[in-house]
Amino acid sequence: MIPFNADDITLENWEPMLSVRKKPVIVHATQLNFPEGFEVTTMEGKVRGKPGDYLMIGVNGEKYPIAREIFEKTYDVVDGPNENKMSYRRRLACPVPVGGKVVAVSSTGHDSRSRLAPSQG
């Protein structure tokens, strides 16, 4: 049996069509500005994001990219980044070996050592 194809359903031709409001749940996001974009494994498989898109982490820990334009139209920031969590995320996102040690570099290219200790010449 062929499943029903819902592609042609519109507000004008289908009843009942309920008006609903999405529950206000908190999800987490970070904007990624890697020149080559980024790739993330979602529930639907690997998906690519463009530079400037957001990586979202949903209520069940699922990850997915959202285009910057859509993010800015549909999301409001409710709390700023936690600096400790942000530096950890940056270490995971872009580890760079420096002098035999792995140093975190943010997507803007800043070395995390400046947060942890004074720079040495």
C-alpha atoms as a PDB file:
ATOM      1  CA  MET A   1       0.000   0.000   0.000  1.00  0.00           C
ATOM      2  CA  ILE A   2       1.322   3.458  -0.925  1.00  0.00           C
ATOM      3  CA  PRO A   3       1.396   5.947   1.985  1.00  0.00           C
ATOM      4  CA  PHE A   4      -0.575   9.188   1.699  1.00  0.00           C
ATOM      5  CA  ASN A   5       1.455  11.986   0.055  1.00  0.00           C
ATOM      6  CA  ALA A   6       0.945  15.170   2.125  1.00  0.00           C
ATOM      7  CA  ASP A   7       2.865  17.477  -0.247  1.00  0.00           C
ATOM      8  CA  ASP A   8      -0.314  19.111  -1.568  1.00  0.00           C
ATOM      9  CA  ILE A   9      -1.906  19.960   1.795  1.00  0.00           C
ATOM     10  CA  THR A  10      -2.324  23.718   2.311  1.00  0.00           C
ATOM     11  CA  LEU A  11      -4.150  25.916   4.819  1.00  0.00           C
ATOM     12  CA  GLU A  12      -6.847  26.528   2.208  1.00  0.00           C
ATOM     13  CA  ASN A  13      -7.590  22.956   1.155  1.00  0.00           C
ATOM     14  CA  TRP A  14      -7.392  20.888   4.338  1.00  0.00           C
ATOM     15  CA  GLU A  15      -9.590  20.744   7.430  1.00  0.00           C
ATOM     16  CA  PRO A  16      -9.238  20.531  10.305  1.00  0.00           C
ATOM     17  CA  MET A  17      -5.998  22.550  10.404  1.00  0.00           C
ATOM     18  CA  LEU A  18      -5.235  23.555  13.977  1.00  0.00           C
ATOM     19  CA  SER A  19      -3.500  26.770  14.982  1.00  0.00           C
ATOM     20  CA  VAL A  20      -0.841  25.787  17.518  1.00  0.00           C
ATOM     21  CA  ARG A  21       1.973  27.426  19.472  1.00  0.00           C
ATOM     22  CA  LYS A  22       5.270  25.670  20.012  1.00  0.00           C
ATOM     23  CA  LYS A  23       6.110  25.135  23.691  1.00  0.00           C
ATOM     24  CA  PRO A  24       8.826  27.477  24.925  1.00  0.00           C
ATOM     25  CA  VAL A  25      11.667  25.018  25.420  1.00  0.00           C
ATOM     26  CA  ILE A  26      15.291  26.037  25.802  1.00  0.00           C
ATOM     27  CA  VAL A  27      17.731  24.615  23.265  1.00  0.00           C
ATOM     28  CA  HIS A  28      21.382  25.540  22.853  1.00  0.00           C
ATOM     29  CA  ALA A  29      23.191  27.073  19.903  1.00  0.00           C
ATOM     30  CA  THR A  30      26.595  28.224  18.786  1.00  0.00           C
ATOM     31  CA  GLN A  31      27.455  30.041  15.594  1.00  0.00           C
ATOM     32  CA  LEU A  32      30.259  28.359  13.645  1.00  0.00           C
ATOM     33  CA  ASN A  33      32.357  30.479  11.296  1.00  0.00           C
ATOM     34  CA  PHE A  34      34.788  27.956   9.842  1.00  0.00           C
ATOM     35  CA  PRO A  35      35.636  29.048   6.262  1.00  0.00           C
ATOM     36  CA  GLU A  36      34.860  25.579   4.875  1.00  0.00           C
ATOM     37  CA  GLY A  37      31.616  25.250   6.845  1.00  0.00           C
ATOM     38  CA  PHE A  38      30.960  22.301   9.134  1.00  0.00           C
ATOM     39  CA  GLU A  39      29.423  18.846   9.125  1.00  0.00           C
ATOM     40  CA  VAL A  40      27.367  17.228  11.876  1.00  0.00           C
ATOM     41  CA  THR A  41      25.705  13.847  12.254  1.00  0.00           C
ATOM     42  CA  THR A  42      21.984  14.426  12.793  1.00  0.00           C
ATOM     43  CA  MET A  43      19.128  12.001  13.360  1.00  0.00           C
ATOM     44  CA  GLU A  44      18.707  11.995   9.556  1.00  0.00           C
ATOM     45  CA  GLY A  45      22.401  11.431   8.773  1.00  0.00           C
ATOM     46  CA  LYS A  46      25.314  13.780   7.992  1.00  0.00           C
ATOM     47  CA  VAL A  47      24.296  17.372   7.251  1.00  0.00           C
ATOM     48  CA  ARG A  48      26.526  20.292   6.246  1.00  0.00           C
ATOM     49  CA  GLY A  49      26.314  23.825   7.590  1.00  0.00           C
ATOM     50  CA  LYS A  50      27.702  26.931   5.884  1.00  0.00           C
ATOM     51  CA  PRO A  51      30.052  29.443   7.522  1.00  0.00           C
ATOM     52  CA  GLY A  52      27.931  31.563   9.880  1.00  0.00           C
ATOM     53  CA  ASP A  53      25.242  28.911  10.376  1.00  0.00           C
ATOM     54  CA  TYR A  54      24.344  27.741  13.872  1.00  0.00           C
ATOM     55  CA  LEU A  55      24.859  24.329  15.417  1.00  0.00           C
ATOM     56  CA  MET A  56      21.857  23.545  17.607  1.00  0.00           C
ATOM     57  CA  ILE A  57      21.677  21.016  20.437  1.00  0.00           C
ATOM     58  CA  GLY A  58      18.075  20.088  21.143  1.00  0.00           C
ATOM     59  CA  VAL A  59      16.207  18.995  24.255  1.00  0.00           C
ATOM     60  CA  ASN A  60      17.191  15.346  23.736  1.00  0.00           C
ATOM     61  CA  GLY A  61      20.830  16.075  22.856  1.00  0.00           C
ATOM     62  CA  GLU A  62      20.197  15.860  19.115  1.00  0.00           C
ATOM     63  CA  LYS A  63      22.388  18.076  16.939  1.00  0.00           C
ATOM     64  CA  TYR A  64      21.419  19.899  13.782  1.00  0.00           C
ATOM     65  CA  PRO A  65      22.505  22.947  11.781  1.00  0.00           C
ATOM     66  CA  ILE A  66      20.266  25.962  11.189  1.00  0.00           C
ATOM     67  CA  ALA A  67      20.964  28.617   8.580  1.00  0.00           C
ATOM     68  CA  ARG A  68      21.883  31.991  10.094  1.00  0.00           C
ATOM     69  CA  GLU A  69      18.923  33.703   8.391  1.00  0.00           C
ATOM     70  CA  ILE A  70      16.407  31.214   9.808  1.00  0.00           C
ATOM     71  CA  PHE A  71      18.019  31.289  13.261  1.00  0.00           C
ATOM     72  CA  GLU A  72      17.754  35.082  13.406  1.00  0.00           C
ATOM     73  CA  LYS A  73      14.058  34.997  12.382  1.00  0.00           C
ATOM     74  CA  THR A  74      12.970  32.229  14.748  1.00  0.00           C
ATOM     75  CA  TYR A  75      15.135  32.294  17.897  1.00  0.00           C
ATOM     76  CA  ASP A  76      15.751  34.773  20.726  1.00  0.00           C
ATOM     77  CA  VAL A  77      18.841  34.502  22.912  1.00  0.00           C
ATOM     78  CA  VAL A  78      17.694  34.015  26.526  1.00  0.00           C
ATOM     79  CA  ASP A  79      21.096  33.724  28.201  1.00  0.00           C
ATOM     80  CA  GLY A  80      24.676  34.489  27.190  1.00  0.00           C
ATOM     81  CA  PRO A  81      27.386  31.868  26.784  1.00  0.00           C
ATOM     82  CA  ASN A  82      28.995  30.337  29.824  1.00  0.00           C
ATOM     83  CA  GLU A  83      32.695  31.084  29.340  1.00  0.00           C
ATOM     84  CA  ASN A  84      33.856  27.754  30.821  1.00  0.00           C
ATOM     85  CA  LYS A  85      31.524  25.768  28.579  1.00  0.00           C
ATOM     86  CA  MET A  86      32.393  27.901  25.557  1.00  0.00           C
ATOM     87  CA  SER A  87      36.143  27.366  25.887  1.00  0.00           C
ATOM     88  CA  TYR A  88      35.521  23.609  26.256  1.00  0.00           C
ATOM     89  CA  ARG A  89      33.420  23.622  23.089  1.00  0.00           C
ATOM     90  CA  ARG A  90      36.121  25.518  21.256  1.00  0.00           C
ATOM     91  CA  ARG A  91      38.736  22.970  22.352  1.00  0.00           C
ATOM     92  CA  LEU A  92      36.568  20.203  20.941  1.00  0.00           C
ATOM     93  CA  ALA A  93      35.848  22.110  17.737  1.00  0.00           C
ATOM     94  CA  CYS A  94      39.360  23.008  16.677  1.00  0.00           C
ATOM     95  CA  PRO A  95      42.332  21.476  18.528  1.00  0.00           C
ATOM     96  CA  VAL A  96      45.676  22.681  17.182  1.00  0.00           C
ATOM     97  CA  PRO A  97      49.041  21.133  18.155  1.00  0.00           C
ATOM     98  CA  VAL A  98      51.481  23.806  19.414  1.00  0.00           C
ATOM     99  CA  GLY A  99      54.907  22.832  20.742  1.00  0.00           C
ATOM    100  CA  GLY A 100      53.910  19.244  21.483  1.00  0.00           C
ATOM    101  CA  LYS A 101      50.645  20.242  23.241  1.00  0.00           C
ATOM    102  CA  VAL A 102      47.120  20.556  21.908  1.00  0.00           C
ATOM    103  CA  VAL A 103      45.913  24.151  22.160  1.00  0.00           C
ATOM    104  CA  ALA A 104      42.335  25.232  21.604  1.00  0.00           C
ATOM    105  CA  VAL A 105      41.750  27.743  18.847  1.00  0.00           C
ATOM    106  CA  SER A 106      38.323  29.312  18.470  1.00  0.00           C
ATOM    107  CA  SER A 107      36.506  29.626  15.167  1.00  0.00           C
ATOM    108  CA  THR A 108      37.804  33.222  15.040  1.00  0.00           C
ATOM    109  CA  GLY A 109      41.391  31.939  15.279  1.00  0.00           C
ATOM    110  CA  HIS A 110      42.104  33.063  18.846  1.00  0.00           C
ATOM    111  CA  ASP A 111      44.393  30.876  20.918  1.00  0.00           C
ATOM    112  CA  SER A 112      42.764  29.770  24.207  1.00  0.00           C
ATOM    113  CA  ARG A 113      46.075  30.030  26.036  1.00  0.00           C
ATOM    114  CA  SER A 114      45.442  33.774  26.412  1.00  0.00           C
ATOM    115  CA  ARG A 115      42.503  32.911  28.699  1.00  0.00           C
ATOM    116  CA  LEU A 116      44.450  30.419  30.754  1.00  0.00           C
ATOM    117  CA  ALA A 117      47.864  31.997  31.200  1.00  0.00           C
ATOM    118  CA  PRO A 118      49.840  35.053  30.153  1.00  0.00           C
ATOM    119  CA  SER A 119      51.343  34.793  26.701  1.00  0.00           C
ATOM    120  CA  GLN A 120      55.017  33.895  26.589  1.00  0.00           C
ATOM    121  CA  GLY A 121      56.957  35.812  23.974  1.00  0.00           C
END
